[in-house]
Amino acid sequence: MAGRPTRQMNRSNRYVSGNLAYDFDYLERERRRRADRERQDYEERREYQSAPRPRQQRKPAAKPKHRERIHVSPVVVIGFAVVAVMLVALLDSYAELTAVSRGVVAMQSELAALEDEHVALLGRYERTFDLSAVKEAAETAGMAKPSSSQIYYVDLSAPDSVILYQSAELNVMERAFSTVGQDVVALVEYFK
């Protein structure tokens, strides 16, 4: 067991392999190592800063590529035209529908007013044919029921018959005068 190094702990609770005697040169060695490391880091930084940096070359702007012309299919153009026509027709039909609806509303209000007027006129009509009112009006006017001497009966049981009389032949002058006379009579009756 003597050949194997033992692991022991020093005062700072670190494991130490081997001898626990004080090493007086330890701090000096550590200071030199740190100074060497700092010198190397300084020299490396200085070299890095003094060394020429490679310039980043700007890439030349890429020339815009010419795009190929897009050919529009005639079917697509016709389709869009058909859709546009249908849209205009739809808007027109909505406008007509609105106008017809407005007319229907106006006619319904007019119909309601006419129905009210019909009811009022029907009431007046029924009042005029009230038999007691008619009898009263007839009596005030001096009207009476007809007597038997005022009643005449006509017998229409015989078959219908027509008698046609032929007029004498008129010459041309007589026909012209009679036509002018009839026209004058018709004109006088018209202005009466």
C-alpha atoms as a PDB file:
ATOM      1  CA  MET A   1       0.000   0.000   0.000  1.00  0.00           C
ATOM      2  CA  ALA A   2       2.894   2.292   0.235  1.00  0.00           C
ATOM      3  CA  GLY A   3       3.296   2.762  -3.510  1.00  0.00           C
ATOM      4  CA  ARG A   4      -0.042   4.303  -4.013  1.00  0.00           C
ATOM      5  CA  PRO A   5      -0.431   8.100  -3.500  1.00  0.00           C
ATOM      6  CA  THR A   6      -2.951   8.962  -0.899  1.00  0.00           C
ATOM      7  CA  ARG A   7      -5.489  11.616  -1.276  1.00  0.00           C
ATOM      8  CA  GLN A   8      -5.701  13.981   1.558  1.00  0.00           C
ATOM      9  CA  MET A   9      -7.492  17.206   2.262  1.00  0.00           C
ATOM     10  CA  ASN A  10      -5.857  20.502   3.080  1.00  0.00           C
ATOM     11  CA  ARG A  11      -7.296  23.340   5.133  1.00  0.00           C
ATOM     12  CA  SER A  12      -9.464  24.728   2.313  1.00  0.00           C
ATOM     13  CA  ASN A  13     -11.143  21.331   1.992  1.00  0.00           C
ATOM     14  CA  ARG A  14      -9.518  20.588  -1.339  1.00  0.00           C
ATOM     15  CA  TYR A  15      -8.112  17.202  -2.156  1.00  0.00           C
ATOM     16  CA  VAL A  16      -4.431  17.134  -2.504  1.00  0.00           C
ATOM     17  CA  SER A  17      -2.557  14.288  -3.985  1.00  0.00           C
ATOM     18  CA  GLY A  18       0.766  13.574  -2.338  1.00  0.00           C
ATOM     19  CA  ASN A  19       2.636  15.726   0.167  1.00  0.00           C
ATOM     20  CA  LEU A  20       0.893  18.313   2.293  1.00  0.00           C
ATOM     21  CA  ALA A  21       3.975  20.425   2.918  1.00  0.00           C
ATOM     22  CA  TYR A  22       3.817  24.071   2.103  1.00  0.00           C
ATOM     23  CA  ASP A  23       4.924  25.053  -1.397  1.00  0.00           C
ATOM     24  CA  PHE A  24       6.342  28.580  -1.045  1.00  0.00           C
ATOM     25  CA  ASP A  25       6.937  29.009  -4.772  1.00  0.00           C
ATOM     26  CA  TYR A  26       3.328  28.231  -5.675  1.00  0.00           C
ATOM     27  CA  LEU A  27       2.086  31.822  -5.556  1.00  0.00           C
ATOM     28  CA  GLU A  28       5.030  33.043  -7.628  1.00  0.00           C
ATOM     29  CA  ARG A  29       4.427  30.413 -10.298  1.00  0.00           C
ATOM     30  CA  GLU A  30       0.736  31.295 -10.433  1.00  0.00           C
ATOM     31  CA  ARG A  31       1.523  35.005 -10.796  1.00  0.00           C
ATOM     32  CA  ARG A  32       3.882  34.288 -13.714  1.00  0.00           C
ATOM     33  CA  ARG A  33       1.332  32.058 -15.413  1.00  0.00           C
ATOM     34  CA  ARG A  34      -1.318  34.758 -15.158  1.00  0.00           C
ATOM     35  CA  ALA A  35       1.066  37.433 -16.449  1.00  0.00           C
ATOM     36  CA  ASP A  36       2.040  35.207 -19.390  1.00  0.00           C
ATOM     37  CA  ARG A  37      -1.601  34.538 -20.181  1.00  0.00           C
ATOM     38  CA  GLU A  38      -2.481  38.242 -20.011  1.00  0.00           C
ATOM     39  CA  ARG A  39       0.488  39.109 -22.260  1.00  0.00           C
ATOM     40  CA  GLN A  40      -0.554  36.515 -24.804  1.00  0.00           C
ATOM     41  CA  ASP A  41      -4.167  37.767 -24.739  1.00  0.00           C
ATOM     42  CA  TYR A  42      -2.943  41.356 -25.177  1.00  0.00           C
ATOM     43  CA  GLU A  43      -0.733  40.420 -28.123  1.00  0.00           C
ATOM     44  CA  GLU A  44      -3.512  38.451 -29.750  1.00  0.00           C
ATOM     45  CA  ARG A  45      -5.921  41.373 -29.375  1.00  0.00           C
ATOM     46  CA  ARG A  46      -3.341  43.751 -30.748  1.00  0.00           C
ATOM     47  CA  GLU A  47      -2.643  41.535 -33.727  1.00  0.00           C
ATOM     48  CA  TYR A  48      -6.356  41.167 -34.343  1.00  0.00           C
ATOM     49  CA  GLN A  49      -6.915  44.916 -34.191  1.00  0.00           C
ATOM     50  CA  SER A  50      -3.896  45.799 -36.289  1.00  0.00           C
ATOM     51  CA  ALA A  51      -4.417  43.064 -38.831  1.00  0.00           C
ATOM     52  CA  PRO A  52      -6.289  44.302 -41.880  1.00  0.00           C
ATOM     53  CA  ARG A  53      -9.828  43.073 -41.841  1.00  0.00           C
ATOM     54  CA  PRO A  54     -11.129  41.576 -44.985  1.00  0.00           C
ATOM     55  CA  ARG A  55     -13.567  43.983 -46.514  1.00  0.00           C
ATOM     56  CA  GLN A  56     -16.993  42.773 -47.130  1.00  0.00           C
ATOM     57  CA  GLN A  57     -17.626  43.151 -50.753  1.00  0.00           C
ATOM     58  CA  ARG A  58     -21.018  44.343 -51.713  1.00  0.00           C
ATOM     59  CA  LYS A  59     -22.776  42.210 -54.168  1.00  0.00           C
ATOM     60  CA  PRO A  60     -23.747  44.118 -57.257  1.00  0.00           C
ATOM     61  CA  ALA A  61     -27.478  44.715 -57.464  1.00  0.00           C
ATOM     62  CA  ALA A  62     -29.094  42.002 -59.440  1.00  0.00           C
ATOM     63  CA  LYS A  63     -30.583  43.200 -62.651  1.00  0.00           C
ATOM     64  CA  PRO A  64     -34.328  42.776 -62.669  1.00  0.00           C
ATOM     65  CA  LYS A  65     -35.327  39.816 -64.690  1.00  0.00           C
ATOM     66  CA  HIS A  66     -37.826  40.410 -67.413  1.00  0.00           C
ATOM     67  CA  ARG A  67     -40.946  38.500 -66.746  1.00  0.00           C
ATOM     68  CA  GLU A  68     -42.663  36.823 -69.545  1.00  0.00           C
ATOM     69  CA  ARG A  69     -45.913  38.373 -70.573  1.00  0.00           C
ATOM     70  CA  ILE A  70     -48.890  36.628 -69.109  1.00  0.00           C
ATOM     71  CA  HIS A  71     -51.381  35.757 -71.769  1.00  0.00           C
ATOM     72  CA  VAL A  72     -54.966  36.088 -70.645  1.00  0.00           C
ATOM     73  CA  SER A  73     -57.256  33.413 -71.927  1.00  0.00           C
ATOM     74  CA  PRO A  74     -60.234  34.656 -73.960  1.00  0.00           C
ATOM     75  CA  VAL A  75     -62.438  32.289 -71.968  1.00  0.00           C
ATOM     76  CA  VAL A  76     -61.494  34.143 -68.756  1.00  0.00           C
ATOM     77  CA  VAL A  77     -62.236  37.519 -70.355  1.00  0.00           C
ATOM     78  CA  ILE A  78     -65.609  36.286 -71.610  1.00  0.00           C
ATOM     79  CA  GLY A  79     -66.338  34.816 -68.173  1.00  0.00           C
ATOM     80  CA  PHE A  80     -65.611  38.131 -66.445  1.00  0.00           C
ATOM     81  CA  ALA A  81     -67.761  39.963 -69.015  1.00  0.00           C
ATOM     82  CA  VAL A  82     -70.652  37.547 -68.425  1.00  0.00           C
ATOM     83  CA  VAL A  83     -70.318  37.981 -64.651  1.00  0.00           C
ATOM     84  CA  ALA A  84     -70.290  41.780 -65.043  1.00  0.00           C
ATOM     85  CA  VAL A  85     -73.425  41.688 -67.245  1.00  0.00           C
ATOM     86  CA  MET A  86     -75.166  39.400 -64.762  1.00  0.00           C
ATOM     87  CA  LEU A  87     -74.224  41.738 -61.905  1.00  0.00           C
ATOM     88  CA  VAL A  88     -75.669  44.734 -63.758  1.00  0.00           C
ATOM     89  CA  ALA A  89     -78.838  42.747 -64.538  1.00  0.00           C
ATOM     90  CA  LEU A  90     -79.144  41.744 -60.881  1.00  0.00           C
ATOM     91  CA  LEU A  91     -78.809  45.345 -59.723  1.00  0.00           C
ATOM     92  CA  ASP A  92     -81.383  46.426 -62.321  1.00  0.00           C
ATOM     93  CA  SER A  93     -83.823  43.742 -61.183  1.00  0.00           C
ATOM     94  CA  TYR A  94     -83.366  44.866 -57.562  1.00  0.00           C
ATOM     95  CA  ALA A  95     -84.168  48.436 -58.629  1.00  0.00           C
ATOM     96  CA  GLU A  96     -87.300  47.259 -60.466  1.00  0.00           C
ATOM     97  CA  LEU A  97     -88.307  45.137 -57.476  1.00  0.00           C
ATOM     98  CA  THR A  98     -87.988  48.158 -55.209  1.00  0.00           C
ATOM     99  CA  ALA A  99     -90.118  50.283 -57.562  1.00  0.00           C
ATOM    100  CA  VAL A 100     -92.790  47.578 -57.825  1.00  0.00           C
ATOM    101  CA  SER A 101     -92.809  47.114 -54.044  1.00  0.00           C
ATOM    102  CA  ARG A 102     -93.257  50.854 -53.574  1.00  0.00           C
ATOM    103  CA  GLY A 103     -96.173  50.794 -56.072  1.00  0.00           C
ATOM    104  CA  VAL A 104     -97.759  47.832 -54.276  1.00  0.00           C
ATOM    105  CA  VAL A 105     -97.568  49.657 -50.947  1.00  0.00           C
ATOM    106  CA  ALA A 106     -99.162  52.755 -52.508  1.00  0.00           C
ATOM    107  CA  MET A 107    -101.934  50.656 -54.085  1.00  0.00           C
ATOM    108  CA  GLN A 108    -102.573  48.842 -50.799  1.00  0.00           C
ATOM    109  CA  SER A 109    -103.011  52.129 -48.975  1.00  0.00           C
ATOM    110  CA  GLU A 110    -105.323  53.339 -51.771  1.00  0.00           C
ATOM    111  CA  LEU A 111    -107.285  50.064 -51.548  1.00  0.00           C
ATOM    112  CA  ALA A 112    -107.716  50.516 -47.790  1.00  0.00           C
ATOM    113  CA  ALA A 113    -109.024  54.061 -48.357  1.00  0.00           C
ATOM    114  CA  LEU A 114    -111.421  52.836 -51.074  1.00  0.00           C
ATOM    115  CA  GLU A 115    -112.711  50.038 -48.826  1.00  0.00           C
ATOM    116  CA  ASP A 116    -113.463  52.605 -46.121  1.00  0.00           C
ATOM    117  CA  GLU A 117    -115.268  54.761 -48.699  1.00  0.00           C
ATOM    118  CA  HIS A 118    -117.184  51.661 -49.933  1.00  0.00           C
ATOM    119  CA  VAL A 119    -118.431  50.925 -46.433  1.00  0.00           C
ATOM    120  CA  ALA A 120    -119.567  54.555 -46.012  1.00  0.00           C
ATOM    121  CA  LEU A 121    -121.340  54.597 -49.403  1.00  0.00           C
ATOM    122  CA  LEU A 122    -122.983  51.221 -48.731  1.00  0.00           C
ATOM    123  CA  GLY A 123    -124.402  52.640 -45.500  1.00  0.00           C
ATOM    124  CA  ARG A 124    -125.769  55.676 -47.364  1.00  0.00           C
ATOM    125  CA  TYR A 125    -127.216  53.398 -50.070  1.00  0.00           C
ATOM    126  CA  GLU A 126    -129.012  51.243 -47.538  1.00  0.00           C
ATOM    127  CA  ARG A 127    -130.396  54.358 -45.843  1.00  0.00           C
ATOM    128  CA  THR A 128    -131.835  55.625 -49.162  1.00  0.00           C
ATOM    129  CA  PHE A 129    -133.723  52.378 -49.729  1.00  0.00           C
ATOM    130  CA  ASP A 130    -135.218  52.235 -46.300  1.00  0.00           C
ATOM    131  CA  LEU A 131    -138.874  51.534 -47.166  1.00  0.00           C
ATOM    132  CA  SER A 132    -140.237  53.643 -44.365  1.00  0.00           C
ATOM    133  CA  ALA A 133    -138.110  56.580 -45.543  1.00  0.00           C
ATOM    134  CA  VAL A 134    -139.252  56.026 -49.159  1.00  0.00           C
ATOM    135  CA  LYS A 135    -142.898  55.837 -48.144  1.00  0.00           C
ATOM    136  CA  GLU A 136    -142.562  58.953 -46.060  1.00  0.00           C
ATOM    137  CA  ALA A 137    -140.838  60.831 -48.918  1.00  0.00           C
ATOM    138  CA  ALA A 138    -143.543  59.717 -51.356  1.00  0.00           C
ATOM    139  CA  GLU A 139    -146.327  60.876 -49.064  1.00  0.00           C
ATOM    140  CA  THR A 140    -144.720  64.280 -48.566  1.00  0.00           C
ATOM    141  CA  ALA A 141    -144.418  64.638 -52.338  1.00  0.00           C
ATOM    142  CA  GLY A 142    -148.131  63.835 -52.737  1.00  0.00           C
ATOM    143  CA  MET A 143    -147.655  60.463 -54.383  1.00  0.00           C
ATOM    144  CA  ALA A 144    -150.208  57.679 -53.923  1.00  0.00           C
ATOM    145  CA  LYS A 145    -150.670  54.116 -55.098  1.00  0.00           C
ATOM    146  CA  PRO A 146    -152.194  53.844 -58.579  1.00  0.00           C
ATOM    147  CA  SER A 147    -155.912  53.133 -58.768  1.00  0.00           C
ATOM    148  CA  SER A 148    -157.391  50.387 -60.908  1.00  0.00           C
ATOM    149  CA  SER A 149    -158.374  52.931 -63.569  1.00  0.00           C
ATOM    150  CA  GLN A 150    -154.728  53.855 -64.021  1.00  0.00           C
ATOM    151  CA  ILE A 151    -153.510  50.301 -64.604  1.00  0.00           C
ATOM    152  CA  TYR A 152    -153.334  49.001 -68.186  1.00  0.00           C
ATOM    153  CA  TYR A 153    -152.325  45.496 -69.207  1.00  0.00           C
ATOM    154  CA  VAL A 154    -150.610  44.794 -72.522  1.00  0.00           C
ATOM    155  CA  ASP A 155    -151.058  41.409 -74.163  1.00  0.00           C
ATOM    156  CA  LEU A 156    -147.826  40.275 -75.787  1.00  0.00           C
ATOM    157  CA  SER A 157    -148.856  36.710 -76.468  1.00  0.00           C
ATOM    158  CA  ALA A 158    -149.178  37.295 -80.246  1.00  0.00           C
ATOM    159  CA  PRO A 159    -146.127  36.447 -82.373  1.00  0.00           C
ATOM    160  CA  ASP A 160    -143.869  39.280 -83.460  1.00  0.00           C
ATOM    161  CA  SER A 161    -144.554  40.788 -86.846  1.00  0.00           C
ATOM    162  CA  VAL A 162    -142.941  43.521 -88.914  1.00  0.00           C
ATOM    163  CA  ILE A 163    -144.552  45.624 -91.614  1.00  0.00           C
ATOM    164  CA  LEU A 164    -142.130  47.132 -94.104  1.00  0.00           C
ATOM    165  CA  TYR A 165    -143.261  50.087 -96.150  1.00  0.00           C
ATOM    166  CA  GLN A 166    -141.334  50.988 -99.225  1.00  0.00           C
ATOM    167  CA  SER A 167    -140.829  54.647 -99.842  1.00  0.00           C
ATOM    168  CA  ALA A 168    -141.186  56.157-103.259  1.00  0.00           C
ATOM    169  CA  GLU A 169    -138.060  56.491-105.312  1.00  0.00           C
ATOM    170  CA  LEU A 170    -136.410  59.914-104.914  1.00  0.00           C
ATOM    171  CA  ASN A 171    -134.348  61.513-107.616  1.00  0.00           C
ATOM    172  CA  VAL A 172    -130.782  62.662-107.068  1.00  0.00           C
ATOM    173  CA  MET A 173    -131.637  66.266-106.165  1.00  0.00           C
ATOM    174  CA  GLU A 174    -134.235  65.248-103.604  1.00  0.00           C
ATOM    175  CA  ARG A 175    -131.810  62.796-102.011  1.00  0.00           C
ATOM    176  CA  ALA A 176    -129.086  65.482-101.812  1.00  0.00           C
ATOM    177  CA  PHE A 177    -131.485  68.001-100.172  1.00  0.00           C
ATOM    178  CA  SER A 178    -132.752  65.429 -97.700  1.00  0.00           C
ATOM    179  CA  THR A 179    -129.201  64.444 -96.755  1.00  0.00           C
ATOM    180  CA  VAL A 180    -128.189  68.092 -96.262  1.00  0.00           C
ATOM    181  CA  GLY A 181    -131.358  68.665 -94.225  1.00  0.00           C
ATOM    182  CA  GLN A 182    -130.587  65.658 -91.993  1.00  0.00           C
ATOM    183  CA  ASP A 183    -127.033  66.919 -91.474  1.00  0.00           C
ATOM    184  CA  VAL A 184    -128.305  70.384 -90.492  1.00  0.00           C
ATOM    185  CA  VAL A 185    -130.799  68.841 -88.026  1.00  0.00           C
ATOM    186  CA  ALA A 186    -128.033  66.652 -86.530  1.00  0.00           C
ATOM    187  CA  LEU A 187    -125.760  69.716 -86.213  1.00  0.00           C
ATOM    188  CA  VAL A 188    -128.461  71.751 -84.473  1.00  0.00           C
ATOM    189  CA  GLU A 189    -129.158  68.861 -82.044  1.00  0.00           C
ATOM    190  CA  TYR A 190    -125.454  68.548 -81.313  1.00  0.00           C
ATOM    191  CA  PHE A 191    -125.097  72.201 -80.274  1.00  0.00           C
ATOM    192  CA  LYS A 192    -128.281  72.251 -78.181  1.00  0.00           C
END
